[in-house]
Amino acid sequence: MEEIDILNAIHGALNSTAMDYLALAFEYVFKIGIIWIVIGLLLMRNPCDRKFGATLIFAMILEFIIVYCLKFAVDRPRPFVTYEIDALINAFNSTSFPSGHTAQLFCAATVIGIFRRKYAAPMFILAIMVAVSRMYLYAHYPTDVLAGAVIGIVVAFVTIEYIMRSGRITVFVKIRNGDEESD
């Protein structure tokens, strides 16, 4: 069985107007990961959540750099290009390997799951839904999605380990009443 057969099976099993809208919503909401940066910045407003917010931001930036370096290095065409499929999305020129959306969601799910365990299951369910939607849209092969998931999880753990070992976050400086305090 080839990867295109898996994509056709996923698309055939899930094909519906509701899935079309859901997959397109995921496509645009998680396009470049800005949502996670905003959430990270909001978290950093609370002194108790600064490490959480900084970890989320740094992990997302690192994930983005790694994914796009690999995309340019591997240069694998998307399935809808290779197989000339009239997919719901076909206007972008980026490459297929690895899946950036999947890496992004698994990275965020891992960071959020580590810092807030009660959100781990919903976040990983969302990450899996996004991964499936990427295949449903013929935007990625199964191996692209698998690689994205692995990259996202590994980047999250590396970032968490680095930030937790470093002790304090000194990148962000808060000024109150003329005094500087680092966190």
C-alpha atoms as a PDB file:
ATOM      1  CA  MET A   1       0.000   0.000   0.000  1.00  0.00           C
ATOM      2  CA  GLU A   2       1.372   3.394  -0.974  1.00  0.00           C
ATOM      3  CA  GLU A   3       0.944   6.609   0.965  1.00  0.00           C
ATOM      4  CA  ILE A   4      -1.515   7.985  -1.590  1.00  0.00           C
ATOM      5  CA  ASP A   5      -3.744   4.967  -0.921  1.00  0.00           C
ATOM      6  CA  ILE A   6      -3.822   5.900   2.773  1.00  0.00           C
ATOM      7  CA  LEU A   7      -4.697   9.498   1.879  1.00  0.00           C
ATOM      8  CA  ASN A   8      -7.486   8.326  -0.429  1.00  0.00           C
ATOM      9  CA  ALA A   9      -8.845   6.057   2.323  1.00  0.00           C
ATOM     10  CA  ILE A  10      -8.807   8.897   4.875  1.00  0.00           C
ATOM     11  CA  HIS A  11     -10.470  11.276   2.446  1.00  0.00           C
ATOM     12  CA  GLY A  12     -13.065   8.693   1.429  1.00  0.00           C
ATOM     13  CA  ALA A  13     -13.943   7.775   5.014  1.00  0.00           C
ATOM     14  CA  LEU A  14     -14.234  11.352   6.265  1.00  0.00           C
ATOM     15  CA  ASN A  15     -15.480  13.163   3.169  1.00  0.00           C
ATOM     16  CA  SER A  16     -18.234  15.575   4.212  1.00  0.00           C
ATOM     17  CA  THR A  17     -19.009  19.267   4.193  1.00  0.00           C
ATOM     18  CA  ALA A  18     -18.456  19.399   7.956  1.00  0.00           C
ATOM     19  CA  MET A  19     -14.976  17.860   7.596  1.00  0.00           C
ATOM     20  CA  ASP A  20     -14.176  20.261   4.760  1.00  0.00           C
ATOM     21  CA  TYR A  21     -14.994  23.223   7.006  1.00  0.00           C
ATOM     22  CA  LEU A  22     -13.161  21.761  10.001  1.00  0.00           C
ATOM     23  CA  ALA A  23     -10.021  21.003   7.979  1.00  0.00           C
ATOM     24  CA  LEU A  24     -10.052  24.476   6.422  1.00  0.00           C
ATOM     25  CA  ALA A  25     -10.557  26.058   9.852  1.00  0.00           C
ATOM     26  CA  PHE A  26      -7.484  24.191  11.145  1.00  0.00           C
ATOM     27  CA  GLU A  27      -5.581  25.265   8.018  1.00  0.00           C
ATOM     28  CA  TYR A  28      -6.117  28.944   8.719  1.00  0.00           C
ATOM     29  CA  VAL A  29      -6.209  29.085  12.531  1.00  0.00           C
ATOM     30  CA  PHE A  30      -2.869  27.291  12.853  1.00  0.00           C
ATOM     31  CA  LYS A  31      -1.268  28.686   9.668  1.00  0.00           C
ATOM     32  CA  ILE A  32       1.932  30.064  11.210  1.00  0.00           C
ATOM     33  CA  GLY A  33       1.525  29.479  14.913  1.00  0.00           C
ATOM     34  CA  ILE A  34       0.797  33.049  15.969  1.00  0.00           C
ATOM     35  CA  ILE A  35      -1.927  31.780  18.297  1.00  0.00           C
ATOM     36  CA  TRP A  36       0.679  30.002  20.463  1.00  0.00           C
ATOM     37  CA  ILE A  37       2.909  33.077  20.660  1.00  0.00           C
ATOM     38  CA  VAL A  38      -0.089  35.157  21.786  1.00  0.00           C
ATOM     39  CA  ILE A  39      -1.040  32.529  24.382  1.00  0.00           C
ATOM     40  CA  GLY A  40       2.583  32.436  25.567  1.00  0.00           C
ATOM     41  CA  LEU A  41       2.684  36.222  25.918  1.00  0.00           C
ATOM     42  CA  LEU A  42      -0.603  36.204  27.840  1.00  0.00           C
ATOM     43  CA  LEU A  43       0.742  33.509  30.157  1.00  0.00           C
ATOM     44  CA  MET A  44       3.859  35.567  30.812  1.00  0.00           C
ATOM     45  CA  ARG A  45       1.745  38.366  32.300  1.00  0.00           C
ATOM     46  CA  ASN A  46       1.202  36.162  35.352  1.00  0.00           C
ATOM     47  CA  PRO A  47       4.435  35.692  37.373  1.00  0.00           C
ATOM     48  CA  CYS A  48       3.432  32.103  38.189  1.00  0.00           C
ATOM     49  CA  ASP A  49       3.131  31.234  34.491  1.00  0.00           C
ATOM     50  CA  ARG A  50       6.214  32.960  33.084  1.00  0.00           C
ATOM     51  CA  LYS A  51       8.202  29.752  32.570  1.00  0.00           C
ATOM     52  CA  PHE A  52       5.173  28.148  30.958  1.00  0.00           C
ATOM     53  CA  GLY A  53       4.676  31.098  28.598  1.00  0.00           C
ATOM     54  CA  ALA A  54       8.374  31.423  27.760  1.00  0.00           C
ATOM     55  CA  THR A  55       8.656  27.684  27.144  1.00  0.00           C
ATOM     56  CA  LEU A  56       5.675  27.754  24.792  1.00  0.00           C
ATOM     57  CA  ILE A  57       7.088  30.717  22.848  1.00  0.00           C
ATOM     58  CA  PHE A  58      10.621  29.354  22.582  1.00  0.00           C
ATOM     59  CA  ALA A  59       9.409  25.878  21.659  1.00  0.00           C
ATOM     60  CA  MET A  60       7.198  27.263  18.877  1.00  0.00           C
ATOM     61  CA  ILE A  61      10.033  29.392  17.472  1.00  0.00           C
ATOM     62  CA  LEU A  62      12.451  26.445  17.528  1.00  0.00           C
ATOM     63  CA  GLU A  63       9.851  24.134  15.968  1.00  0.00           C
ATOM     64  CA  PHE A  64       9.202  26.658  13.181  1.00  0.00           C
ATOM     65  CA  ILE A  65      12.930  26.994  12.386  1.00  0.00           C
ATOM     66  CA  ILE A  66      13.510  23.230  12.318  1.00  0.00           C
ATOM     67  CA  VAL A  67      10.409  22.487  10.221  1.00  0.00           C
ATOM     68  CA  TYR A  68      11.160  25.125   7.602  1.00  0.00           C
ATOM     69  CA  CYS A  69      14.840  24.163   7.362  1.00  0.00           C
ATOM     70  CA  LEU A  70      13.721  20.580   6.690  1.00  0.00           C
ATOM     71  CA  LYS A  71      11.061  21.719   4.202  1.00  0.00           C
ATOM     72  CA  PHE A  72      13.684  23.562   2.166  1.00  0.00           C
ATOM     73  CA  ALA A  73      16.242  20.743   2.482  1.00  0.00           C
ATOM     74  CA  VAL A  74      13.901  17.876   1.566  1.00  0.00           C
ATOM     75  CA  ASP A  75      11.744  19.783  -0.962  1.00  0.00           C
ATOM     76  CA  ARG A  76       9.069  17.091  -1.234  1.00  0.00           C
ATOM     77  CA  PRO A  77       6.061  18.143  -3.344  1.00  0.00           C
ATOM     78  CA  ARG A  78       2.653  18.024  -1.705  1.00  0.00           C
ATOM     79  CA  PRO A  79       0.373  15.076  -2.599  1.00  0.00           C
ATOM     80  CA  PHE A  80      -2.154  17.268  -4.394  1.00  0.00           C
ATOM     81  CA  VAL A  81       0.683  18.508  -6.637  1.00  0.00           C
ATOM     82  CA  THR A  82       2.242  15.097  -7.298  1.00  0.00           C
ATOM     83  CA  TYR A  83      -1.084  13.423  -8.062  1.00  0.00           C
ATOM     84  CA  GLU A  84      -2.780  16.466  -9.633  1.00  0.00           C
ATOM     85  CA  ILE A  85      -5.663  16.372  -7.164  1.00  0.00           C
ATOM     86  CA  ASP A  86      -8.175  19.195  -7.117  1.00  0.00           C
ATOM     87  CA  ALA A  87      -7.893  19.662  -3.357  1.00  0.00           C
ATOM     88  CA  LEU A  88      -9.628  22.208  -1.146  1.00  0.00           C
ATOM     89  CA  ILE A  89      -6.272  23.914  -0.693  1.00  0.00           C
ATOM     90  CA  ASN A  90      -3.848  24.191  -3.545  1.00  0.00           C
ATOM     91  CA  ALA A  91      -2.698  27.779  -3.703  1.00  0.00           C
ATOM     92  CA  PHE A  92       0.480  27.587  -1.660  1.00  0.00           C
ATOM     93  CA  ASN A  93       3.951  26.786  -2.894  1.00  0.00           C
ATOM     94  CA  SER A  94       5.551  25.309   0.209  1.00  0.00           C
ATOM     95  CA  THR A  95       6.742  21.742   0.370  1.00  0.00           C
ATOM     96  CA  SER A  96       5.277  18.743   2.127  1.00  0.00           C
ATOM     97  CA  PHE A  97       7.902  17.263   4.462  1.00  0.00           C
ATOM     98  CA  PRO A  98       7.474  17.625   7.412  1.00  0.00           C
ATOM     99  CA  SER A  99       3.984  18.809   8.326  1.00  0.00           C
ATOM    100  CA  GLY A 100       4.354  22.186  10.034  1.00  0.00           C
ATOM    101  CA  HIS A 101       0.770  22.233  11.304  1.00  0.00           C
ATOM    102  CA  THR A 102       1.263  18.811  12.900  1.00  0.00           C
ATOM    103  CA  ALA A 103       4.635  19.741  14.413  1.00  0.00           C
ATOM    104  CA  GLN A 104       3.135  22.944  15.784  1.00  0.00           C
ATOM    105  CA  LEU A 105       0.145  21.228  17.418  1.00  0.00           C
ATOM    106  CA  PHE A 106       2.146  18.353  18.910  1.00  0.00           C
ATOM    107  CA  CYS A 107       4.727  20.826  20.222  1.00  0.00           C
ATOM    108  CA  ALA A 108       2.032  22.982  21.827  1.00  0.00           C
ATOM    109  CA  ALA A 109       0.182  19.918  23.163  1.00  0.00           C
ATOM    110  CA  THR A 110       3.358  18.603  24.780  1.00  0.00           C
ATOM    111  CA  VAL A 111       4.298  21.906  26.417  1.00  0.00           C
ATOM    112  CA  ILE A 112       0.737  22.544  27.614  1.00  0.00           C
ATOM    113  CA  GLY A 113       0.369  18.938  28.756  1.00  0.00           C
ATOM    114  CA  ILE A 114       3.561  19.129  30.824  1.00  0.00           C
ATOM    115  CA  PHE A 115       2.678  22.441  32.464  1.00  0.00           C
ATOM    116  CA  ARG A 116      -1.075  21.815  32.779  1.00  0.00           C
ATOM    117  CA  ARG A 117      -1.760  18.082  32.859  1.00  0.00           C
ATOM    118  CA  LYS A 118      -5.543  18.492  32.812  1.00  0.00           C
ATOM    119  CA  TYR A 119      -5.291  19.950  29.298  1.00  0.00           C
ATOM    120  CA  ALA A 120      -3.010  17.207  27.936  1.00  0.00           C
ATOM    121  CA  ALA A 121      -5.745  14.903  26.586  1.00  0.00           C
ATOM    122  CA  PRO A 122      -7.784  17.625  24.845  1.00  0.00           C
ATOM    123  CA  MET A 123      -4.622  19.123  23.350  1.00  0.00           C
ATOM    124  CA  PHE A 124      -3.397  15.788  22.002  1.00  0.00           C
ATOM    125  CA  ILE A 125      -6.855  15.039  20.606  1.00  0.00           C
ATOM    126  CA  LEU A 126      -6.724  18.414  18.837  1.00  0.00           C
ATOM    127  CA  ALA A 127      -3.209  17.639  17.566  1.00  0.00           C
ATOM    128  CA  ILE A 128      -4.378  14.290  16.159  1.00  0.00           C
ATOM    129  CA  MET A 129      -7.398  15.944  14.544  1.00  0.00           C
ATOM    130  CA  VAL A 130      -5.147  18.510  12.855  1.00  0.00           C
ATOM    131  CA  ALA A 131      -2.762  15.765  11.709  1.00  0.00           C
ATOM    132  CA  VAL A 132      -5.637  13.816  10.150  1.00  0.00           C
ATOM    133  CA  SER A 133      -6.998  16.995   8.553  1.00  0.00           C
ATOM    134  CA  ARG A 134      -3.639  17.621   6.864  1.00  0.00           C
ATOM    135  CA  MET A 135      -3.889  14.215   5.193  1.00  0.00           C
ATOM    136  CA  TYR A 136      -7.589  14.706   4.444  1.00  0.00           C
ATOM    137  CA  LEU A 137      -6.716  17.901   2.544  1.00  0.00           C
ATOM    138  CA  TYR A 138      -4.009  16.062   0.546  1.00  0.00           C
ATOM    139  CA  ALA A 139      -1.540  18.593   1.954  1.00  0.00           C
ATOM    140  CA  HIS A 140       0.703  15.927   3.516  1.00  0.00           C
ATOM    141  CA  TYR A 141       1.624  12.275   3.244  1.00  0.00           C
ATOM    142  CA  PRO A 142       1.381  10.096   6.366  1.00  0.00           C
ATOM    143  CA  THR A 143       5.177  10.181   6.765  1.00  0.00           C
ATOM    144  CA  ASP A 144       5.102  14.018   6.705  1.00  0.00           C
ATOM    145  CA  VAL A 145       2.553  13.990   9.509  1.00  0.00           C
ATOM    146  CA  LEU A 146       4.450  11.373  11.528  1.00  0.00           C
ATOM    147  CA  ALA A 147       7.680  13.354  11.174  1.00  0.00           C
ATOM    148  CA  GLY A 148       5.867  16.538  12.199  1.00  0.00           C
ATOM    149  CA  ALA A 149       4.471  14.876  15.329  1.00  0.00           C
ATOM    150  CA  VAL A 150       7.895  13.534  16.330  1.00  0.00           C
ATOM    151  CA  ILE A 151       9.590  16.892  15.697  1.00  0.00           C
ATOM    152  CA  GLY A 152       6.947  18.743  17.711  1.00  0.00           C
ATOM    153  CA  ILE A 153       7.207  16.424  20.711  1.00  0.00           C
ATOM    154  CA  VAL A 154      11.022  16.316  20.687  1.00  0.00           C
ATOM    155  CA  VAL A 155      11.340  20.094  20.355  1.00  0.00           C
ATOM    156  CA  ALA A 156       8.899  20.578  23.240  1.00  0.00           C
ATOM    157  CA  PHE A 157      10.845  18.238  25.529  1.00  0.00           C
ATOM    158  CA  VAL A 158      14.214  19.764  24.581  1.00  0.00           C
ATOM    159  CA  THR A 159      12.865  23.275  25.233  1.00  0.00           C
ATOM    160  CA  ILE A 160      11.280  22.265  28.535  1.00  0.00           C
ATOM    161  CA  GLU A 161      14.489  20.577  29.659  1.00  0.00           C
ATOM    162  CA  TYR A 162      16.596  23.591  28.694  1.00  0.00           C
ATOM    163  CA  ILE A 163      14.350  26.146  30.400  1.00  0.00           C
ATOM    164  CA  MET A 164      13.887  24.065  33.540  1.00  0.00           C
ATOM    165  CA  ARG A 165      17.635  23.437  33.866  1.00  0.00           C
ATOM    166  CA  SER A 166      18.534  27.065  33.229  1.00  0.00           C
ATOM    167  CA  GLY A 167      16.653  28.081  36.359  1.00  0.00           C
ATOM    168  CA  ARG A 168      15.385  31.536  35.451  1.00  0.00           C
ATOM    169  CA  ILE A 169      14.107  33.233  32.353  1.00  0.00           C
ATOM    170  CA  THR A 170      16.226  36.357  31.960  1.00  0.00           C
ATOM    171  CA  VAL A 171      15.175  37.281  28.444  1.00  0.00           C
ATOM    172  CA  PHE A 172      12.145  39.272  29.588  1.00  0.00           C
ATOM    173  CA  VAL A 173      12.576  42.278  31.833  1.00  0.00           C
ATOM    174  CA  LYS A 174       9.667  43.851  33.665  1.00  0.00           C
ATOM    175  CA  ILE A 175       9.903  47.414  34.953  1.00  0.00           C
ATOM    176  CA  ARG A 176       7.829  48.436  37.983  1.00  0.00           C
ATOM    177  CA  ASN A 177       8.129  51.800  39.662  1.00  0.00           C
ATOM    178  CA  GLY A 178      11.553  52.362  38.117  1.00  0.00           C
ATOM    179  CA  ASP A 179      12.940  49.061  39.407  1.00  0.00           C
ATOM    180  CA  GLU A 180      13.964  46.296  37.048  1.00  0.00           C
ATOM    181  CA  GLU A 181      13.182  42.723  37.868  1.00  0.00           C
ATOM    182  CA  SER A 182      14.042  39.759  35.670  1.00  0.00           C
ATOM    183  CA  ASP A 183      11.977  36.633  35.300  1.00  0.00           C
END
